C-alpha cells in the first residue's frame, strides 16, 4: 500500500487516507480547492474528488462542517 493510500483513522467505518487527511487539514485552514492543489500538487479536479470523499467519510455536508467534524474526531 502506498503512503497516500494508508488508512489513518480506524474509528471511522471507511478510514481517511493520508492524502484525504492532508486535504481535510488544508480545507480546515480555509484553503480553496485551487490552493490545496497548488500545495499538494494534484489538479483542482482531483482535489474536488478528495473533498467529496472526505465529506462522505466523516459525514459532513459542507467544508465548514467537515472542519468542525474533523476536529471532533481528533483528525486535525
N, C-alpha and C. Protein backbone atom coordinates (compact mmCIF):
# COMPACT_ATOMS: atom_id res chain seq x y z
N UNK A 1 0.85 -1.18 0.00
CA UNK A 1 0.00 0.00 0.00
C UNK A 1 0.89 1.24 0.00
N UNK A 2 0.60 2.21 -0.85
CA UNK A 2 1.38 3.43 -0.92
C UNK A 2 1.07 4.31 0.28
N UNK A 3 1.99 5.22 0.64
CA UNK A 3 1.74 6.09 1.79
C UNK A 3 0.44 6.88 1.67
N UNK A 4 0.08 7.34 0.47
CA UNK A 4 -1.14 8.13 0.33
C UNK A 4 -2.40 7.29 0.41
N UNK A 5 -2.27 5.97 0.41
CA UNK A 5 -3.45 5.11 0.48
C UNK A 5 -3.61 4.46 1.85
N UNK A 6 -2.73 4.74 2.77
CA UNK A 6 -2.76 4.11 4.09
C UNK A 6 -3.86 4.74 4.96
N UNK A 7 -4.79 3.92 5.51
CA UNK A 7 -5.83 4.46 6.38
C UNK A 7 -5.23 5.07 7.64
N UNK A 8 -5.83 6.16 8.13
CA UNK A 8 -5.27 6.84 9.29
C UNK A 8 -6.21 6.85 10.49
N UNK A 9 -7.46 6.50 10.32
CA UNK A 9 -8.37 6.52 11.45
C UNK A 9 -9.27 5.32 11.41
N UNK A 10 -8.96 4.36 12.27
CA UNK A 10 -9.75 3.13 12.30
C UNK A 10 -11.10 3.31 12.97
N UNK A 11 -11.36 4.49 13.59
CA UNK A 11 -12.64 4.73 14.23
C UNK A 11 -13.76 5.04 13.25
N UNK A 12 -13.42 5.34 12.03
CA UNK A 12 -14.43 5.62 11.00
C UNK A 12 -14.75 4.34 10.25
N UNK A 13 -16.00 4.18 9.80
CA UNK A 13 -16.35 2.99 9.01
C UNK A 13 -15.47 2.85 7.77
N UNK A 14 -15.15 3.98 7.14
CA UNK A 14 -14.27 4.00 5.97
C UNK A 14 -13.17 5.01 6.28
N UNK A 15 -12.03 4.56 6.80
CA UNK A 15 -10.98 5.49 7.26
C UNK A 15 -10.45 6.40 6.15
N UNK A 16 -10.02 7.58 6.55
CA UNK A 16 -9.40 8.52 5.62
C UNK A 16 -8.00 8.05 5.26
N UNK A 17 -7.62 8.27 4.02
CA UNK A 17 -6.25 8.00 3.61
C UNK A 17 -5.38 9.17 4.07
N UNK A 18 -4.08 9.01 4.00
CA UNK A 18 -3.17 10.10 4.36
C UNK A 18 -3.45 11.33 3.51
N UNK A 19 -3.67 11.16 2.22
CA UNK A 19 -3.93 12.29 1.32
C UNK A 19 -5.24 12.98 1.67
N UNK A 20 -6.27 12.19 1.99
CA UNK A 20 -7.55 12.78 2.39
C UNK A 20 -7.39 13.57 3.69
N UNK A 21 -6.58 13.06 4.58
CA UNK A 21 -6.32 13.77 5.83
C UNK A 21 -5.58 15.08 5.55
N UNK A 22 -4.62 15.06 4.63
CA UNK A 22 -3.92 16.29 4.23
C UNK A 22 -4.92 17.31 3.69
N UNK A 23 -5.82 16.85 2.83
CA UNK A 23 -6.83 17.73 2.24
C UNK A 23 -7.74 18.29 3.33
N UNK A 24 -8.15 17.46 4.28
CA UNK A 24 -9.00 17.92 5.38
C UNK A 24 -8.30 19.01 6.18
N UNK A 25 -7.04 18.81 6.49
CA UNK A 25 -6.29 19.82 7.27
C UNK A 25 -6.23 21.15 6.53
N UNK A 26 -5.95 21.11 5.24
CA UNK A 26 -5.85 22.35 4.47
C UNK A 26 -7.23 22.98 4.27
N UNK A 27 -8.23 22.16 4.10
CA UNK A 27 -9.61 22.63 4.00
C UNK A 27 -9.99 23.37 5.29
N UNK A 28 -9.60 22.81 6.43
CA UNK A 28 -9.90 23.42 7.73
C UNK A 28 -9.17 24.75 7.91
N UNK A 29 -8.07 24.94 7.19
CA UNK A 29 -7.34 26.21 7.24
C UNK A 29 -8.00 27.26 6.35
N UNK A 30 -9.04 26.86 5.62
CA UNK A 30 -9.77 27.79 4.78
C UNK A 30 -9.28 27.86 3.34
N UNK A 31 -8.43 26.92 2.94
CA UNK A 31 -7.91 26.94 1.58
C UNK A 31 -8.96 26.50 0.57
N UNK A 32 -8.90 27.10 -0.61
CA UNK A 32 -9.78 26.72 -1.72
C UNK A 32 -9.22 25.45 -2.36
N UNK A 33 -10.01 24.83 -3.23
CA UNK A 33 -9.52 23.65 -3.95
C UNK A 33 -8.27 23.98 -4.76
N UNK A 34 -8.24 25.13 -5.37
CA UNK A 34 -7.07 25.55 -6.16
C UNK A 34 -5.84 25.68 -5.26
N UNK A 35 -6.01 26.31 -4.10
CA UNK A 35 -4.89 26.48 -3.17
C UNK A 35 -4.40 25.13 -2.65
N UNK A 36 -5.33 24.24 -2.36
CA UNK A 36 -4.94 22.90 -1.90
C UNK A 36 -4.17 22.19 -3.01
N UNK A 37 -4.65 22.30 -4.24
CA UNK A 37 -3.97 21.69 -5.37
C UNK A 37 -2.56 22.24 -5.54
N UNK A 38 -2.41 23.54 -5.39
CA UNK A 38 -1.08 24.15 -5.51
C UNK A 38 -0.14 23.66 -4.42
N UNK A 39 -0.67 23.44 -3.25
CA UNK A 39 0.15 22.99 -2.11
C UNK A 39 0.51 21.51 -2.22
N UNK A 40 -0.45 20.68 -2.64
CA UNK A 40 -0.23 19.23 -2.65
C UNK A 40 0.10 18.66 -4.04
N UNK A 41 -0.05 19.44 -5.07
CA UNK A 41 0.27 19.09 -6.46
C UNK A 41 -0.82 18.43 -7.30
N UNK A 42 -1.90 17.88 -6.77
CA UNK A 42 -2.90 17.32 -7.69
C UNK A 42 -3.66 18.44 -8.39
N UNK A 43 -4.38 18.08 -9.44
CA UNK A 43 -5.20 19.06 -10.15
C UNK A 43 -6.38 19.48 -9.27
N UNK A 44 -6.99 20.58 -9.63
CA UNK A 44 -8.15 21.06 -8.89
C UNK A 44 -9.29 20.03 -8.92
N UNK A 45 -9.45 19.35 -10.04
CA UNK A 45 -10.47 18.30 -10.15
C UNK A 45 -10.22 17.15 -9.20
N UNK A 46 -8.95 16.78 -9.05
CA UNK A 46 -8.60 15.70 -8.12
C UNK A 46 -8.86 16.14 -6.69
N UNK A 47 -8.57 17.39 -6.39
CA UNK A 47 -8.84 17.91 -5.04
C UNK A 47 -10.34 17.85 -4.76
N UNK A 48 -11.17 18.21 -5.75
CA UNK A 48 -12.63 18.12 -5.57
C UNK A 48 -13.04 16.69 -5.22
N UNK A 49 -12.41 15.74 -5.89
CA UNK A 49 -12.68 14.33 -5.62
C UNK A 49 -12.32 13.99 -4.17
N UNK A 50 -11.15 14.43 -3.72
CA UNK A 50 -10.74 14.18 -2.33
C UNK A 50 -11.70 14.84 -1.35
N UNK A 51 -12.10 16.07 -1.63
CA UNK A 51 -13.02 16.78 -0.73
C UNK A 51 -14.34 16.01 -0.64
N UNK A 52 -14.85 15.57 -1.76
CA UNK A 52 -16.09 14.78 -1.77
C UNK A 52 -15.94 13.52 -0.92
N UNK A 53 -14.82 12.82 -1.08
CA UNK A 53 -14.57 11.61 -0.29
C UNK A 53 -14.52 11.92 1.20
N UNK A 54 -13.83 12.99 1.56
CA UNK A 54 -13.71 13.38 2.97
C UNK A 54 -15.09 13.68 3.53
N UNK A 55 -15.88 14.47 2.81
CA UNK A 55 -17.23 14.81 3.29
C UNK A 55 -18.06 13.56 3.55
N UNK A 56 -18.02 12.63 2.61
CA UNK A 56 -18.78 11.39 2.76
C UNK A 56 -18.28 10.55 3.93
N UNK A 57 -16.97 10.41 4.03
CA UNK A 57 -16.41 9.52 5.05
C UNK A 57 -16.64 10.02 6.47
N UNK A 58 -16.62 11.34 6.67
CA UNK A 58 -16.80 11.85 8.03
C UNK A 58 -18.21 12.35 8.30
N UNK A 59 -19.09 12.22 7.29
CA UNK A 59 -20.50 12.57 7.48
C UNK A 59 -20.75 14.07 7.57
N UNK A 60 -20.07 14.84 6.73
CA UNK A 60 -20.26 16.28 6.71
C UNK A 60 -20.96 16.69 5.41
N UNK A 61 -21.72 17.78 5.46
CA UNK A 61 -22.43 18.21 4.25
C UNK A 61 -21.71 19.33 3.51
N UNK A 62 -20.76 20.00 4.20
CA UNK A 62 -20.02 21.08 3.54
C UNK A 62 -18.65 21.22 4.18
N UNK A 63 -17.85 22.13 3.64
CA UNK A 63 -16.46 22.30 4.07
C UNK A 63 -16.37 22.74 5.53
N UNK A 64 -17.26 23.65 5.94
CA UNK A 64 -17.24 24.13 7.32
C UNK A 64 -17.55 23.00 8.28
N UNK A 65 -18.57 22.24 7.97
CA UNK A 65 -18.93 21.13 8.83
C UNK A 65 -17.82 20.08 8.84
N UNK A 66 -17.14 19.90 7.72
CA UNK A 66 -16.02 18.95 7.66
C UNK A 66 -14.90 19.37 8.61
N UNK A 67 -14.60 20.66 8.64
CA UNK A 67 -13.56 21.15 9.55
C UNK A 67 -13.95 20.92 11.00
N UNK A 68 -15.20 21.22 11.32
CA UNK A 68 -15.67 21.00 12.70
C UNK A 68 -15.68 19.53 13.05
N UNK A 69 -16.18 18.71 12.15
CA UNK A 69 -16.24 17.26 12.40
C UNK A 69 -14.84 16.66 12.50
N UNK A 70 -13.93 17.14 11.67
CA UNK A 70 -12.54 16.68 11.73
C UNK A 70 -11.92 16.95 13.08
N UNK A 71 -12.23 18.12 13.63
CA UNK A 71 -11.72 18.46 14.97
C UNK A 71 -12.37 17.58 16.04
N UNK A 72 -13.69 17.37 15.93
CA UNK A 72 -14.41 16.50 16.87
C UNK A 72 -13.80 15.10 16.91
N UNK A 73 -13.44 14.60 15.73
CA UNK A 73 -12.90 13.25 15.62
C UNK A 73 -11.41 13.18 15.95
N UNK A 74 -10.79 14.34 16.20
CA UNK A 74 -9.37 14.37 16.50
C UNK A 74 -8.48 14.13 15.29
N UNK A 75 -9.01 14.41 14.11
CA UNK A 75 -8.24 14.19 12.88
C UNK A 75 -7.38 15.40 12.55
N UNK A 76 -7.76 16.57 13.05
CA UNK A 76 -6.99 17.79 12.79
C UNK A 76 -6.82 18.57 14.08
